Amino acid sequence: MDDDNEESSPYVKLISAENSEIFLSRRIALQVETLRVMLEGNFRESEEGVIRFPDISGSALEKVVKYLHYKDRYSDTVARIPEFAIDPEEALELLVAASYLNC
């Protein structure tokens, strides 16, 4: 069953343009529309649990994963949410990555 494969691995491997590997909780990955479609659809990514991003650098992908953890942690918070810092030098690349991922 395909569901057994999804449930057996709690993490998804994300691979950047430079072949850097970053592991992301499947639960958090499923909150991102683009990743959810890849992981739940009839795609190679759903079978392997690996998603390749040939146009996203390792540093940008790492920052996106940090943001996804930040978003997951603070999405239901009623208290003041701390700022998620982004350096101006990385803003454009992160904007492109976030637009692609729809997050």
Protein backbone atom coordinates (compact mmCIF):
# COMPACT_ATOMS: atom_id res chain seq x y z
CA MET A 1 0.00 0.00 0.00
CA ASP A 2 1.28 3.49 -0.80
CA ASP A 3 0.13 4.81 2.58
CA ASP A 4 2.49 2.41 4.36
CA ASN A 5 5.48 4.04 2.66
CA GLU A 6 4.32 7.52 3.66
CA GLU A 7 3.73 6.49 7.26
CA SER A 8 7.02 4.57 7.56
CA SER A 9 9.15 7.68 7.09
CA PRO A 10 8.39 10.70 9.26
CA TYR A 11 10.79 12.84 7.18
CA VAL A 12 11.10 14.03 3.60
CA LYS A 13 14.51 14.63 2.03
CA LEU A 14 14.85 17.92 0.17
CA ILE A 15 17.76 18.25 -2.26
CA SER A 16 19.02 21.67 -3.37
CA ALA A 17 20.67 22.76 -6.62
CA GLU A 18 24.11 21.92 -5.15
CA ASN A 19 22.86 18.51 -3.95
CA SER A 20 22.72 19.60 -0.31
CA GLU A 21 20.30 17.42 1.61
CA ILE A 22 17.89 18.79 4.19
CA PHE A 23 15.39 16.67 6.08
CA LEU A 24 11.97 18.09 6.84
CA SER A 25 9.24 16.59 8.96
CA ARG A 26 6.61 15.07 6.66
CA ARG A 27 3.93 16.68 8.84
CA ILE A 28 5.36 20.15 8.19
CA ALA A 29 5.99 19.40 4.50
CA LEU A 30 2.33 18.48 4.05
CA GLN A 31 1.35 21.99 5.19
CA VAL A 32 2.93 23.43 2.02
CA GLU A 33 0.63 23.06 -0.98
CA THR A 34 3.36 22.35 -3.55
CA LEU A 35 5.08 19.77 -1.34
CA ARG A 36 1.76 18.17 -0.39
CA VAL A 37 0.80 17.69 -4.04
CA MET A 38 4.20 16.10 -4.77
CA LEU A 39 4.03 13.80 -1.74
CA GLU A 40 0.38 12.76 -2.02
CA GLY A 41 0.08 12.66 -5.80
CA ASN A 42 1.10 10.05 -8.30
CA PHE A 43 4.66 11.35 -8.52
CA ARG A 44 8.12 9.87 -8.00
CA GLU A 45 8.47 12.08 -4.90
CA SER A 46 5.57 10.31 -3.20
CA GLU A 47 7.26 6.94 -3.67
CA GLU A 48 10.80 8.00 -2.75
CA GLY A 49 10.12 10.65 -0.12
CA VAL A 50 12.74 12.79 -1.88
CA ILE A 51 12.06 16.15 -3.52
CA ARG A 52 14.70 17.78 -5.74
CA PHE A 53 14.91 21.53 -6.24
CA PRO A 54 17.40 22.12 -9.07
CA ASP A 55 16.73 25.87 -9.07
CA ILE A 56 16.92 26.54 -5.32
CA SER A 57 20.29 26.96 -3.60
CA GLY A 58 21.16 25.11 -0.43
CA SER A 59 21.22 28.29 1.64
CA ALA A 60 17.80 29.38 0.35
CA LEU A 61 16.31 25.93 0.90
CA GLU A 62 17.69 25.86 4.43
CA LYS A 63 16.13 29.26 5.18
CA VAL A 64 12.79 28.11 3.72
CA VAL A 65 12.85 25.04 5.99
CA LYS A 66 13.61 27.28 8.98
CA TYR A 67 10.65 29.46 8.00
CA LEU A 68 8.36 26.43 7.70
CA HIS A 69 9.32 25.41 11.25
CA TYR A 70 8.76 29.01 12.41
CA LYS A 71 5.36 29.13 10.69
CA ASP A 72 4.35 25.78 12.19
CA ARG A 73 5.41 26.85 15.68
CA TYR A 74 3.69 30.25 15.68
CA SER A 75 0.65 29.77 13.41
CA ASP A 76 -1.80 29.32 16.31
CA THR A 77 -0.08 31.68 18.74
CA VAL A 78 -2.10 34.53 20.20
CA ALA A 79 0.94 36.10 21.89
CA ARG A 80 3.36 38.43 20.14
CA ILE A 81 5.22 36.54 17.40
CA PRO A 82 8.97 37.13 17.12
CA GLU A 83 10.32 38.51 13.86
CA PHE A 84 11.63 36.06 11.27
CA ALA A 85 14.83 37.76 10.17
CA ILE A 86 15.81 37.81 6.51
CA ASP A 87 19.00 39.45 5.31
CA PRO A 88 18.47 41.86 2.41
CA GLU A 89 21.04 39.94 0.34
CA GLU A 90 18.94 36.79 0.45
CA ALA A 91 15.50 38.37 0.08
CA LEU A 92 15.12 38.02 -3.69
CA GLU A 93 16.24 34.39 -3.77
CA LEU A 94 13.89 33.56 -0.88
CA LEU A 95 11.02 35.34 -2.59
CA VAL A 96 11.53 33.21 -5.71
CA ALA A 97 11.73 30.00 -3.64
CA ALA A 98 8.65 30.90 -1.58
CA SER A 99 6.73 31.75 -4.74
CA TYR A 100 7.65 28.40 -6.30
CA LEU A 101 6.68 26.49 -3.15
CA ASN A 102 3.57 28.62 -2.57
CA CYS A 103 4.37 29.05 1.12
